[in-house]
Protein backbone atom coordinates (compact mmCIF):
# COMPACT_ATOMS: atom_id res chain seq x y z
CA MET A 1 16.79 -14.51 -7.96
CA SER A 2 16.07 -11.09 -6.49
CA ALA A 3 14.39 -9.61 -3.46
CA VAL A 4 12.01 -6.67 -3.06
CA LEU A 5 11.42 -4.63 0.07
CA GLY A 6 8.04 -2.95 0.58
CA ILE A 7 7.70 -0.16 3.13
CA ASP A 8 4.50 1.44 4.37
CA ALA A 9 6.40 4.46 5.63
CA ALA A 10 4.85 6.62 8.36
CA TRP A 11 4.86 10.36 7.75
CA THR A 12 5.97 11.03 11.33
CA TYR A 13 8.74 9.53 13.45
CA ASP A 14 6.46 8.44 16.28
CA HIS A 15 4.25 6.15 14.18
CA PRO A 16 5.25 2.63 13.07
CA SER A 17 6.06 1.71 9.49
CA GLY A 18 5.15 -1.67 8.02
CA VAL A 19 7.89 -3.68 6.29
CA ALA A 20 7.52 -6.59 3.86
CA LEU A 21 10.39 -8.56 2.33
CA VAL A 22 9.71 -10.87 -0.61
CA ARG A 23 12.04 -12.87 -2.82
CA GLN A 24 11.84 -14.69 -6.11
CA THR A 25 12.22 -18.46 -5.99
CA GLY A 26 14.02 -20.66 -8.46
CA SER A 27 10.72 -21.33 -10.23
CA GLY A 28 10.16 -17.61 -10.75
CA GLN A 29 7.39 -17.37 -8.17
CA TRP A 30 7.48 -14.94 -5.26
CA GLU A 31 7.37 -15.72 -1.57
CA ALA A 32 7.28 -13.65 1.59
CA VAL A 33 10.36 -13.83 3.78
CA ALA A 34 9.31 -11.44 6.54
CA VAL A 35 6.34 -9.15 7.12
CA ASP A 36 6.33 -6.87 10.16
CA ASP A 37 4.43 -3.87 11.46
CA SER A 38 7.47 -1.76 12.38
CA TYR A 39 11.14 -1.23 11.57
CA GLN A 40 12.05 -2.48 15.04
CA ALA A 41 10.12 -5.74 14.63
CA PHE A 42 11.78 -6.36 11.26
CA LEU A 43 15.28 -5.64 12.54
CA GLY A 44 14.48 -7.68 15.65
CA ARG A 45 14.38 -10.84 13.57
CA LEU A 46 18.18 -10.75 13.69
CA GLN A 47 18.59 -8.57 16.78
CA PRO A 48 15.82 -9.49 19.26
CA CYS A 49 16.82 -6.68 21.59
CA LEU A 50 15.41 -4.19 19.04
CA VAL A 51 11.87 -5.58 18.94
CA ASP A 52 10.59 -3.49 21.85
CA GLN A 53 12.80 -0.48 21.18
CA ALA A 54 10.93 2.79 20.76
CA ALA A 55 10.97 4.52 17.40
CA THR A 56 13.69 7.12 17.02
CA GLU A 57 14.07 10.19 14.82
CA ALA A 58 16.11 8.31 12.28
CA ILE A 59 15.07 5.84 9.60
CA PRO A 60 17.34 2.75 9.92
CA VAL A 61 17.76 2.38 6.16
CA ARG A 62 21.17 0.72 6.09
CA GLU A 63 20.11 -1.72 8.81
CA LEU A 64 16.93 -2.53 6.90
CA ILE A 65 18.86 -3.33 3.73
CA GLU A 66 21.47 -5.40 5.54
CA THR A 67 18.85 -7.34 7.50
CA ALA A 68 16.81 -7.94 4.36
CA GLY A 69 19.84 -9.32 2.54
CA VAL A 70 20.59 -11.76 5.34
CA LEU A 71 16.98 -12.90 5.69
CA ALA A 72 16.38 -13.28 1.95
CA GLY A 73 19.75 -14.82 1.15
CA VAL A 74 19.94 -12.53 -1.89
CA ASP A 75 20.43 -8.81 -2.36
CA VAL A 76 17.45 -6.47 -2.44
CA THR A 77 17.25 -4.91 -5.90
CA LEU A 78 14.17 -2.75 -5.47
CA VAL A 79 12.48 -0.89 -2.63
CA ALA A 80 8.86 0.24 -3.02
CA ALA A 81 7.67 2.77 -0.44
CA ASP A 82 4.33 4.38 0.26
CA ILE A 83 5.48 7.92 1.01
CA PRO A 84 5.94 11.03 -1.16
CA LEU A 85 9.43 11.00 -2.66
CA ALA A 86 11.10 13.39 -5.08
CA THR A 87 14.47 14.48 -6.36
CA GLU A 88 13.89 17.76 -4.51
CA PRO A 89 12.29 18.58 -1.14
CA VAL A 90 8.57 17.79 -1.03
CA LEU A 91 6.91 20.99 0.19
CA ALA A 92 3.44 20.73 -1.38
CA ARG A 93 1.43 18.71 -3.87
CA ARG A 94 3.45 17.49 -6.81
CA ARG A 95 2.43 16.84 -10.39
CA ALA A 96 2.37 13.14 -9.52
CA ASP A 97 -0.19 13.78 -6.74
CA ASN A 98 -2.39 15.81 -9.05
CA LEU A 99 -2.28 13.25 -11.84
CA ILE A 100 -3.19 10.41 -9.48
CA SER A 101 -6.10 12.42 -8.07
CA GLU A 102 -7.30 13.32 -11.57
CA ARG A 103 -7.23 9.71 -12.71
CA PHE A 104 -8.35 7.96 -9.55
CA GLY A 105 -10.27 10.53 -7.54
CA ARG A 106 -13.58 9.34 -8.97
CA LEU A 107 -12.62 5.86 -7.83
CA GLY A 108 -12.01 7.05 -4.28
CA CYS A 109 -8.22 6.97 -4.59
CA SER A 110 -7.03 10.57 -4.43
CA THR A 111 -3.66 11.20 -2.84
CA HIS A 112 -3.07 12.92 0.48
CA SER A 113 -1.46 16.36 0.26
CA PRO A 114 2.18 16.40 1.40
CA SER A 115 3.59 19.49 3.06
CA ARG A 116 6.80 20.92 4.47
CA ASP A 117 6.01 19.24 7.81
CA ARG A 118 4.40 15.95 6.73
CA PRO A 119 6.29 13.97 5.64
CA GLY A 120 8.84 16.77 5.59
CA ARG A 121 12.41 15.69 6.20
CA ILE A 122 11.37 12.03 6.56
CA SER A 123 10.92 11.94 2.79
CA GLU A 124 14.35 13.42 2.17
CA GLU A 125 15.93 11.13 4.74
CA ILE A 126 14.50 8.01 3.12
CA ARG A 127 15.59 9.16 -0.35
CA ASP A 128 19.09 10.18 0.69
CA CYS A 129 19.78 7.17 2.93
CA PHE A 130 18.69 4.70 0.28
CA GLN A 131 20.81 6.55 -2.25
CA GLU A 132 23.80 6.18 0.08
CA CYS A 133 23.09 2.45 0.04
CA GLY A 134 23.09 2.39 -3.76
CA PHE A 135 19.37 2.76 -4.46
CA GLN A 136 18.49 5.50 -6.92
CA LEU A 137 15.06 7.14 -6.83
CA ALA A 138 13.39 6.06 -10.08
CA THR A 139 10.88 8.28 -11.86
CA ASN A 140 10.89 6.77 -15.36
CA ALA A 141 9.38 3.34 -16.05
CA ASN A 142 11.60 3.00 -19.12
CA ARG A 143 14.78 3.44 -17.08
CA LEU A 144 14.61 1.37 -13.92
CA PRO A 145 18.03 1.44 -12.20
CA GLU A 146 19.73 -1.81 -11.25
CA ARG A 147 18.99 -0.96 -7.61
CA ALA A 148 15.94 1.26 -7.41
CA LEU A 149 13.76 3.10 -4.92
CA ILE A 150 10.23 3.75 -6.15
CA GLU A 151 7.16 5.43 -4.67
CA THR A 152 3.81 3.71 -4.85
CA PHE A 153 0.30 4.21 -3.48
CA PRO A 154 -1.63 1.16 -2.21
CA HIS A 155 -5.18 2.43 -2.83
CA PRO A 156 -5.05 2.58 -6.66
CA ALA A 157 -2.71 -0.43 -6.69
CA LEU A 158 -5.47 -2.44 -5.03
CA LEU A 159 -7.77 -1.65 -7.97
CA SER A 160 -5.45 -3.84 -10.00
CA LEU A 161 -4.69 -6.51 -7.40
CA MET A 162 -8.32 -7.12 -6.50
CA LYS A 163 -9.91 -6.11 -9.81
CA THR A 164 -12.15 -3.72 -7.91
CA ARG A 165 -14.31 -0.92 -9.21
CA PHE A 166 -13.70 1.43 -6.29
CA ARG A 167 -11.35 2.03 -3.37
CA VAL A 168 -11.36 -0.84 -0.88
CA PRO A 169 -12.45 0.40 2.58
CA TYR A 170 -9.98 -1.30 4.91
CA LYS A 171 -8.35 1.53 6.85
CA VAL A 172 -8.90 1.03 10.56
CA GLY A 173 -9.13 4.73 11.34
CA ASN A 174 -11.72 5.49 8.67
CA SER A 175 -14.48 3.05 9.58
CA ARG A 176 -16.90 5.79 10.67
CA LYS A 177 -16.36 7.55 7.38
CA TYR A 178 -16.91 4.33 5.41
CA TRP A 179 -20.04 3.21 7.24
CA PRO A 180 -21.55 6.12 9.22
CA GLY A 181 -24.80 4.26 9.75
CA CYS A 182 -23.25 1.14 11.28
CA ASP A 183 -22.51 0.46 14.92
CA ARG A 184 -19.02 -0.31 16.18
CA ALA A 185 -19.35 -4.10 15.99
CA ALA A 186 -20.61 -4.00 12.41
CA ARG A 187 -17.84 -1.62 11.32
CA LEU A 188 -15.20 -3.79 12.98
CA ALA A 189 -16.54 -6.87 11.19
CA LYS A 190 -16.44 -5.06 7.84
CA VAL A 191 -12.81 -3.98 8.34
CA VAL A 192 -11.85 -7.55 9.27
CA GLN A 193 -13.61 -8.87 6.18
CA ASN A 194 -11.93 -6.39 3.85
CA LEU A 195 -8.46 -6.92 5.29
CA SER A 196 -9.01 -10.67 4.88
CA GLU A 197 -10.03 -10.22 1.25
CA ILE A 198 -6.90 -8.19 0.51
CA ARG A 199 -4.72 -10.78 2.22
CA THR A 200 -6.34 -13.54 0.16
CA ALA A 201 -5.67 -11.62 -3.05
CA LEU A 202 -2.04 -11.07 -2.04
CA SER A 203 -1.60 -14.76 -1.20
CA ARG A 204 -2.42 -15.61 -4.82
CA GLU A 205 0.59 -13.54 -5.87
CA ILE A 206 2.96 -14.11 -2.94
CA SER A 207 3.23 -17.37 -1.03
CA ASN A 208 4.09 -17.91 2.65
CA ILE A 209 2.67 -14.60 3.82
CA GLY A 210 2.78 -15.98 7.33
CA PHE A 211 0.23 -13.90 9.21
CA ALA A 212 -3.54 -14.00 9.42
CA VAL A 213 -6.20 -11.36 9.91
CA PRO A 214 -7.73 -12.09 13.34
CA ASP A 215 -11.41 -12.75 12.84
CA ASP A 216 -11.95 -12.45 16.59
CA ALA A 217 -10.54 -8.92 16.91
CA THR A 218 -12.39 -6.95 19.58
CA SER A 219 -10.90 -3.52 18.86
CA PHE A 220 -9.79 -1.46 15.91
CA SER A 221 -6.39 -0.92 17.51
CA ALA A 222 -5.81 -4.68 17.39
CA LEU A 223 -6.05 -4.46 13.58
CA LYS A 224 -3.73 -1.48 13.01
CA GLY A 225 -0.60 -3.62 12.87
CA VAL A 226 -2.31 -5.94 10.37
CA GLU A 227 -3.25 -2.93 8.24
CA ASP A 228 0.39 -1.79 8.22
CA LYS A 229 1.56 -5.27 7.19
CA ILE A 230 -1.02 -5.39 4.41
CA ASP A 231 0.06 -1.98 3.10
CA ALA A 232 3.72 -3.02 3.16
CA LEU A 233 2.87 -6.19 1.25
CA VAL A 234 0.93 -4.22 -1.35
CA CYS A 235 4.02 -2.03 -1.77
CA ALA A 236 6.15 -5.15 -2.21
CA TRP A 237 3.67 -6.50 -4.76
CA VAL A 238 3.93 -3.29 -6.79
CA GLY A 239 7.70 -3.69 -6.54
CA ILE A 240 7.35 -7.18 -8.03
CA GLN A 241 5.35 -5.72 -10.91
CA ALA A 242 8.11 -3.16 -11.47
CA VAL A 243 10.81 -5.86 -11.52
CA GLU A 244 8.74 -7.77 -14.08
CA GLY A 245 8.19 -4.69 -16.25
CA LYS A 246 4.46 -4.41 -15.53
CA THR A 247 4.26 -0.90 -14.09
CA VAL A 248 3.87 2.68 -15.18
CA ALA A 249 5.37 5.73 -13.47
CA ILE A 250 2.82 8.54 -13.17
CA GLY A 251 4.34 11.98 -12.66
CA ASP A 252 7.44 13.64 -14.05
CA ASN A 253 11.21 13.38 -13.81
CA LYS A 254 11.15 14.87 -10.30
CA ALA A 255 8.59 12.55 -8.72
CA ALA A 256 6.52 9.61 -9.93
CA ILE A 257 4.06 7.19 -8.37
CA TRP A 258 4.43 3.65 -9.70
CA LEU A 259 1.36 1.50 -10.32
CA PRO A 260 0.57 -1.73 -12.17
CA THR A 261 -0.20 -1.24 -15.85
CA ASP A 262 -3.66 -2.81 -15.54
CA PHE A 263 -4.90 -0.37 -12.89
CA CYS A 264 -8.16 0.44 -14.73
CA PRO A 265 -10.45 -2.63 -14.57
CA PRO A 266 -13.66 -2.78 -16.59
CA GLY A 267 -16.97 -1.94 -14.99
CA ARG A 268 -15.79 0.95 -12.84
CA PRO A 269 -18.37 3.45 -11.52
CA LYS A 270 -18.46 5.69 -14.59
CA ASP A 271 -19.85 2.74 -16.53
CA TRP A 272 -22.87 2.71 -14.21
CA SER A 273 -24.04 6.22 -15.15
CA GLU A 274 -27.47 5.10 -16.40
CA LEU A 275 -28.07 3.01 -13.29
CA LEU A 276 -26.98 5.79 -10.97
CA ALA A 277 -29.30 8.25 -12.71
CA SER A 278 -32.32 6.00 -12.19
CA ASP A 279 -34.79 6.08 -9.32
CA ALA A 280 -33.79 2.50 -8.52
CA VAL A 281 -30.66 3.72 -6.76
CA ALA A 282 -32.64 5.12 -3.85
CA SER A 283 -35.14 2.31 -3.59
CA PRO A 284 -35.02 -0.24 -0.74
CA GLU A 285 -35.12 -3.04 -3.32
CA PHE A 286 -32.00 -1.69 -4.98
CA MET A 287 -30.09 -1.28 -1.72
CA ASN A 288 -30.92 -4.88 -0.81
CA ASP A 289 -29.38 -5.94 -4.09
CA VAL A 290 -26.30 -3.85 -3.30
CA GLU A 291 -25.61 -6.10 -0.29
CA ASP A 292 -25.02 -8.95 -2.73
CA LEU A 293 -22.33 -7.03 -4.59
CA PRO A 294 -18.59 -7.50 -3.92
CA VAL A 295 -17.48 -5.48 -0.91
CA GLN A 296 -15.68 -2.83 -2.97
CA ASP A 297 -18.85 -2.05 -4.93
CA ARG A 298 -21.10 -2.00 -1.89
CA TRP A 299 -19.02 0.80 -0.38
CA TYR A 300 -19.43 2.94 -3.48
CA PHE A 301 -23.22 2.71 -3.50
CA HIS A 302 -23.63 3.19 0.23
CA ASN A 303 -21.82 6.51 -0.07
CA LEU A 304 -23.89 8.02 -2.87
């Protein structure tokens, strides 16, 4: 058996980072051991005094690994993190960022641009501290170290997990961008729905997830911790794919973003070119039909 740690790492010290620990069972299936919305909450499972402790300017890597080993009952063999990582300081966009944007930009999954300040030294700290704990940054899918640290990116990973045709709009802070014509209540309901759909898809791959998306949420802030847990779980799921040899590493020997091998589902937007070129796209009848599409496809058409 083995365990995988997924981290939705914040690019600044004063924002929380989601953490998800999963392990393989005797039957070969995967189950969640712990899913939390911050380092402190995760470490607090063994040290309750840390739960309410404020974030500090230090990533508790060694403590995370030790806590994960105790909770899982087996050693963590792979860590999958959503943050730019490289064998050298990350000062600007990398080849990995450009390749992801080239391949997935049309699907709404371009990467953010890293800089000297964001994530800055946090990236180096995560890389170096995990290396001190025996985890080597992996950039080649053909040579996964026995204990590996990999970078992943949840948005294109979700194309594979959910078999979607476009980026899933679930980010709490982007609801106005996703649905500019909707009021607050409608946008909140859509975010809840999409987070729930992602959680359902994850539960088919990982059992005992242990948390629910609150369908009675009255504010976006109440969903931010859920979003962080979801992102951490997606990272862990990509880590599972890597352990099972079902990933590719996109980039070069300095930095690579790991994604499932089946990240390009059929029926993505480019296959709809004739439909998009027709007058039907702008018609009320067509937009009514769009409401019957899966959520990921509705978002694409509403943003034409």
